[in-house]
Protein backbone atom coordinates (compact mmCIF):
# COMPACT_ATOMS: atom_id res chain seq x y z
CA UNK A 1 190.79 -11.37 135.53
CA UNK A 2 193.78 -10.02 137.64
CA UNK A 3 193.44 -6.85 137.25
CA UNK A 4 196.53 -4.63 136.86
CA UNK A 5 198.05 -2.02 138.95
CA UNK A 6 197.40 1.96 139.11
CA UNK A 7 200.47 2.95 136.73
CA UNK A 8 198.95 0.62 133.37
CA UNK A 9 195.06 2.01 134.19
CA UNK A 10 195.29 3.93 131.31
CA UNK A 11 196.42 1.45 128.77
CA UNK A 12 194.29 1.10 125.99
CA UNK A 13 196.28 -1.18 123.78
CA UNK A 14 195.78 -4.25 121.97
CA UNK A 15 191.94 -4.10 121.52
CA UNK A 16 190.09 -6.23 119.12
CA UNK A 17 187.34 -5.71 116.37
CA UNK A 18 186.88 -7.36 112.91
CA UNK A 19 189.57 -5.75 111.19
CA UNK A 20 189.27 -6.86 107.33
CA UNK A 21 192.61 -8.00 107.27
CA UNK A 22 192.50 -10.22 110.54
CA UNK A 23 191.02 -10.25 113.91
CA UNK A 24 192.92 -9.32 116.96
CA UNK A 25 192.90 -11.67 120.15
CA UNK A 26 190.25 -11.85 122.27
CA UNK A 27 192.14 -12.32 125.81
CA UNK A 28 193.92 -9.32 125.55
CA UNK A 29 191.13 -7.20 123.99
CA UNK A 30 189.06 -7.84 127.23
CA UNK A 31 192.22 -7.19 129.24
CA UNK A 32 192.28 -3.96 127.64
CA UNK A 33 188.77 -2.96 128.93
CA UNK A 34 189.52 -4.11 132.15
CA UNK A 35 192.56 -1.54 132.23
CA UNK A 36 190.27 1.37 130.57
CA UNK A 37 187.33 0.67 132.93
CA UNK A 38 189.71 1.11 135.99
CA UNK A 39 190.78 4.43 134.55
CA UNK A 40 187.16 5.53 134.12
CA UNK A 41 186.15 4.45 137.64
CA UNK A 42 189.00 6.08 139.72
CA UNK A 43 188.17 9.48 137.77
CA UNK A 44 184.59 8.89 138.38
CA UNK A 45 184.29 7.52 142.10
CA UNK A 46 181.36 9.06 144.11
CA UNK A 47 181.85 11.37 146.31
CA UNK A 48 180.02 14.46 148.65
CA UNK A 49 180.90 16.80 145.93
CA UNK A 50 180.45 16.98 142.99
CA UNK A 51 183.15 15.78 140.60
CA UNK A 52 184.51 19.38 139.22
CA UNK A 53 184.08 22.32 141.50
CA UNK A 54 183.63 24.35 138.41
CA UNK A 55 180.45 22.25 137.71
CA UNK A 56 178.41 23.76 140.24
CA UNK A 57 178.62 25.28 143.84
CA UNK A 58 175.14 23.70 144.56
CA UNK A 59 174.52 21.13 147.49
CA UNK A 60 174.83 17.78 145.04
CA UNK A 61 171.46 16.28 145.00
CA UNK A 62 171.42 13.49 147.29
CA UNK A 63 169.15 11.28 144.97
CA UNK A 64 171.53 11.71 142.36
CA UNK A 65 174.43 10.67 143.95
CA UNK A 66 172.59 7.61 145.81
CA UNK A 67 171.29 6.73 142.29
CA UNK A 68 175.22 7.04 140.59
CA UNK A 69 176.19 4.88 143.46
CA UNK A 70 173.68 1.86 142.24
CA UNK A 71 174.80 2.14 138.65
CA UNK A 72 178.65 2.59 139.47
CA UNK A 73 178.58 -0.48 141.93
CA UNK A 74 177.41 -2.49 139.04
CA UNK A 75 179.51 -5.74 138.00
CA UNK A 76 181.47 -4.35 134.69
CA UNK A 77 180.91 -8.06 133.28
CA UNK A 78 176.66 -7.44 133.82
CA UNK A 79 176.92 -5.31 130.42
CA UNK A 80 172.60 -5.67 130.11
CA UNK A 81 171.96 -4.41 133.27
CA UNK A 82 174.88 -1.72 133.38
CA UNK A 83 173.46 -0.42 129.97
CA UNK A 84 170.02 -0.72 131.53
CA UNK A 85 170.61 1.54 134.41
CA UNK A 86 172.73 3.86 133.10
CA UNK A 87 170.55 4.97 130.19
CA UNK A 88 167.95 5.42 132.85
CA UNK A 89 170.43 7.75 135.02
CA UNK A 90 171.06 9.84 132.01
CA UNK A 91 167.56 10.53 131.26
CA UNK A 92 166.69 11.17 134.61
CA UNK A 93 169.85 13.74 135.23
CA UNK A 94 170.74 14.68 131.57
CA UNK A 95 173.29 17.70 132.52
CA UNK A 96 174.14 16.29 136.58
CA UNK A 97 177.60 16.19 137.64
CA UNK A 98 177.96 12.61 137.34
CA UNK A 99 175.92 12.22 133.82
CA UNK A 100 179.22 12.43 132.17
CA UNK A 101 181.31 9.90 133.70
CA UNK A 102 177.93 7.37 133.08
CA UNK A 103 178.06 8.36 129.30
CA UNK A 104 181.98 7.38 129.27
CA UNK A 105 181.35 4.12 131.01
CA UNK A 106 178.41 3.18 128.55
CA UNK A 107 180.27 3.50 125.74
CA UNK A 108 182.88 1.17 126.99
CA UNK A 109 179.66 -1.22 127.85
CA UNK A 110 178.47 -0.73 124.22
CA UNK A 111 181.64 -1.71 123.01
CA UNK A 112 181.78 -4.80 125.01
CA UNK A 113 178.29 -5.64 123.47
CA UNK A 114 179.91 -5.05 120.06
CA UNK A 115 176.65 -2.26 119.36
CA UNK A 116 179.21 0.24 117.69
CA UNK A 117 176.71 2.31 116.47
CA UNK A 118 175.42 3.21 120.21
CA UNK A 119 179.03 3.41 121.03
CA UNK A 120 179.20 6.45 119.19
CA UNK A 121 176.38 7.63 120.39
CA UNK A 122 177.31 7.41 123.94
CA UNK A 123 180.63 8.67 123.23
CA UNK A 124 179.28 12.09 121.39
CA UNK A 125 176.98 12.95 124.46
CA UNK A 126 180.09 12.32 126.81
CA UNK A 127 181.67 14.66 124.79
CA UNK A 128 179.31 16.92 124.38
CA UNK A 129 179.48 17.33 128.05
CA UNK A 130 183.20 17.07 128.49
CA UNK A 131 184.87 17.78 125.29
CA UNK A 132 188.19 16.89 127.02
CA UNK A 133 187.83 13.31 128.34
CA UNK A 134 191.15 11.99 127.07
CA UNK A 135 189.46 8.38 127.48
CA UNK A 136 186.48 8.03 125.53
CA UNK A 137 189.11 10.30 122.72
CA UNK A 138 191.37 7.92 122.55
CA UNK A 139 189.34 4.83 122.94
CA UNK A 140 186.77 5.39 120.47
CA UNK A 141 188.96 7.35 117.93
CA UNK A 142 191.09 3.93 118.53
CA UNK A 143 188.05 1.69 117.75
CA UNK A 144 186.12 3.48 114.59
CA UNK A 145 189.18 2.37 112.04
CA UNK A 146 189.29 -1.15 113.23
CA UNK A 147 185.96 -2.05 112.51
CA UNK A 148 185.28 -3.56 109.23
CA UNK A 149 184.19 -0.45 106.64
CA UNK A 150 184.54 2.97 108.26
CA UNK A 151 183.17 5.69 106.25
CA UNK A 152 185.39 8.54 105.11
CA UNK A 153 183.42 10.60 107.38
CA UNK A 154 184.01 8.63 110.27
CA UNK A 155 187.99 8.52 109.76
CA UNK A 156 187.98 12.27 109.81
CA UNK A 157 186.17 11.97 113.04
CA UNK A 158 188.40 9.10 114.18
CA UNK A 159 191.48 11.42 113.41
CA UNK A 160 189.98 14.57 115.43
CA UNK A 161 189.58 12.45 118.39
CA UNK A 162 192.85 11.02 118.45
CA UNK A 163 194.49 14.47 117.53
CA UNK A 164 192.73 16.41 120.36
CA UNK A 165 193.75 13.84 122.81
CA UNK A 166 197.47 14.34 121.78
CA UNK A 167 196.79 17.88 122.65
CA UNK A 168 194.98 17.51 126.04
CA UNK A 169 198.00 15.00 127.33
CA UNK A 170 200.95 17.02 127.82
CA UNK A 171 198.84 18.80 130.26
CA UNK A 172 196.58 16.08 131.72
CA UNK A 173 195.38 16.45 135.57
CA UNK A 174 196.51 14.25 138.11
CA UNK A 175 193.80 11.88 139.48
CA UNK A 176 194.26 12.03 143.49
CA UNK A 177 195.96 9.14 144.30
CA UNK A 178 198.31 8.85 141.35
CA UNK A 179 201.91 9.45 141.66
CA UNK A 180 203.56 11.48 138.67
CA UNK A 181 205.53 8.14 137.98
CA UNK A 182 201.87 6.64 137.30
CA UNK A 183 200.81 9.51 135.54
CA UNK A 184 203.49 9.31 133.31
CA UNK A 185 202.96 6.12 132.52
CA UNK A 186 198.84 6.25 131.89
CA UNK A 187 200.11 9.30 129.72
CA UNK A 188 202.54 7.01 127.54
CA UNK A 189 200.05 4.42 127.51
CA UNK A 190 197.23 7.10 125.50
CA UNK A 191 200.09 8.29 123.58
CA UNK A 192 200.43 4.92 121.85
CA UNK A 193 197.37 4.17 121.99
CA UNK A 194 196.23 7.67 120.09
CA UNK A 195 199.50 7.02 117.59
CA UNK A 196 197.98 3.46 116.58
CA UNK A 197 194.26 4.59 116.23
CA UNK A 198 195.92 7.11 113.73
CA UNK A 199 197.98 4.95 111.94
CA UNK A 200 195.20 3.26 111.64
CA UNK A 201 193.25 5.97 109.75
CA UNK A 202 196.11 6.50 107.71
CA UNK A 203 195.78 3.06 106.27
CA UNK A 204 192.26 2.81 105.62
CA UNK A 205 193.00 5.99 103.68
CA UNK A 206 195.37 4.07 101.57
CA UNK A 207 198.31 6.51 102.77
CA UNK A 208 201.32 4.55 103.98
CA UNK A 209 203.59 6.72 104.06
CA UNK A 210 201.79 8.61 107.38
CA UNK A 211 200.52 5.18 108.42
CA UNK A 212 204.03 3.88 108.76
CA UNK A 213 204.97 6.82 110.58
CA UNK A 214 201.81 6.71 113.31
CA UNK A 215 202.41 2.88 113.91
CA UNK A 216 206.13 3.03 113.88
CA UNK A 217 205.45 5.74 117.27
CA UNK A 218 202.83 3.16 118.13
CA UNK A 219 205.28 0.19 118.64
CA UNK A 220 208.78 1.51 119.18
CA UNK A 221 208.74 2.16 122.37
CA UNK A 222 205.92 -0.25 123.75
CA UNK A 223 206.63 -3.01 126.56
CA UNK A 224 203.62 -5.06 124.85
CA UNK A 225 203.17 -4.05 121.15
CA UNK A 226 199.81 -4.78 119.31
CA UNK A 227 200.44 -7.54 116.97
CA UNK A 228 197.80 -5.57 114.46
CA UNK A 229 199.69 -2.67 114.84
CA UNK A 230 203.02 -4.49 113.69
CA UNK A 231 200.99 -6.46 110.99
CA UNK A 232 199.32 -2.80 109.72
CA UNK A 233 202.95 -1.55 109.73
CA UNK A 234 204.63 -4.70 108.11
CA UNK A 235 201.94 -4.25 105.47
CA UNK A 236 202.40 -0.19 105.01
CA UNK A 237 206.50 -0.65 105.00
CA UNK A 238 205.69 -3.21 102.54
CA UNK A 239 203.69 -1.04 99.90
CA UNK A 240 206.18 1.57 100.33
CA UNK A 241 209.05 -1.06 99.21
CA UNK A 242 211.05 -0.78 102.27
CA UNK A 243 210.84 -4.75 102.92
CA UNK A 244 213.72 -5.03 105.06
CA UNK A 245 211.59 -2.74 107.48
CA UNK A 246 208.65 -4.73 107.02
CA UNK A 247 210.08 -7.70 107.37
CA UNK A 248 211.37 -6.66 111.10
CA UNK A 249 207.49 -5.61 111.97
CA UNK A 250 206.50 -8.91 110.78
CA UNK A 251 209.14 -10.58 112.84
CA UNK A 252 208.02 -9.18 115.95
CA UNK A 253 204.44 -9.72 115.13
CA UNK A 254 205.31 -13.00 114.77
CA UNK A 255 207.08 -13.64 118.39
CA UNK A 256 203.68 -12.46 120.12
CA UNK A 257 201.19 -15.41 120.45
CA UNK A 258 198.01 -15.33 118.83
CA UNK A 259 195.60 -15.39 115.44
CA UNK A 260 198.04 -13.18 113.55
CA UNK A 261 201.45 -15.39 114.41
CA UNK A 262 201.54 -17.40 111.96
CA UNK A 263 200.23 -14.99 109.04
CA UNK A 264 203.31 -12.27 110.39
CA UNK A 265 205.56 -15.47 110.28
CA UNK A 266 205.15 -16.05 106.24
CA UNK A 267 204.83 -12.33 105.47
CA UNK A 268 208.13 -11.60 107.22
CA UNK A 269 209.93 -14.64 105.26
CA UNK A 270 208.40 -12.83 102.05
CA UNK A 271 209.21 -9.57 102.94
CA UNK A 272 212.99 -10.67 104.21
CA UNK A 273 213.05 -12.32 100.24
CA UNK A 274 212.36 -9.48 98.85
CA UNK A 275 214.88 -7.48 100.62
CA UNK A 276 217.31 -9.81 99.53
CA UNK A 277 216.13 -9.60 96.06
CA UNK A 278 216.24 -5.92 95.81
CA UNK A 279 219.85 -5.79 97.61
CA UNK A 280 221.26 -8.05 95.26
CA UNK A 281 219.47 -6.06 92.19
CA UNK A 282 221.02 -2.89 93.12
CA UNK A 283 224.46 -4.56 93.54
CA UNK A 284 224.33 -5.37 90.12
CA UNK A 285 223.13 -2.22 88.60
CA UNK A 286 224.04 0.53 90.70
CA UNK A 287 227.34 -0.82 92.35
CA UNK A 288 229.37 1.30 94.53
CA UNK A 289 226.23 4.02 95.00
CA UNK A 290 225.01 4.23 99.23
CA UNK A 291 221.37 3.32 99.59
CA UNK A 292 219.01 5.88 99.39
CA UNK A 293 218.05 8.02 102.60
CA UNK A 294 214.41 7.72 104.07
């Protein structure tokens, strides 16, 4: 796969898990994983000093640095080896300066293996060491509501992760080698993904008003919106009897090639018919009255 420029390193959109309603495109899911891995790598490249001066003033253990370099150089697609070496590293250095970046990358590897329980365990370890790891917060907060049957406590956890990420984004420090424009783009991509996660949390709770608001934020300015977000946005708007808006969301989804395209086209046509029927009914029963504000 061709890697994208740094300006989209933080993009986490269009990841697909087994939603109860449909499956997201696998190719786009893999692209998003590559982008996330890039961001994790640029934030955790091995250096001659610890990643953060506040972590320790002591000289870095050369054995730990060497072991981290071994892990860092492993191919991202070699998941079994990556998880084996990563597990050994965090067991050997449970509180070292590179431990949290390793846990962060293990979170992604576990997702790719579809071992979601292990993914959450790795994420919990990463956030115990660094509660402000925006990559882990946004990513795991997005994945949880996309799983088949998330428990209420898991949805609470996902919401907590995404809201904390949104609190952190305005003051997210710029990594070395990133321009101001690239950082702004990265922050924007994180924000869109966080709203996507929150929208799915609200949808799972059947809070369709909030789901529509969050998913609108996730898609309205997205250059490549996730068709899954547009699909759920359309369903949520339909449940609110906003059929014209639902038809618009489904039509945008239908314009994107993928597994959802045919279903979105059918739902767009159905929503248009309902919108027309509502308009005709309103014109007969309430002539001359303006539409209610939304």
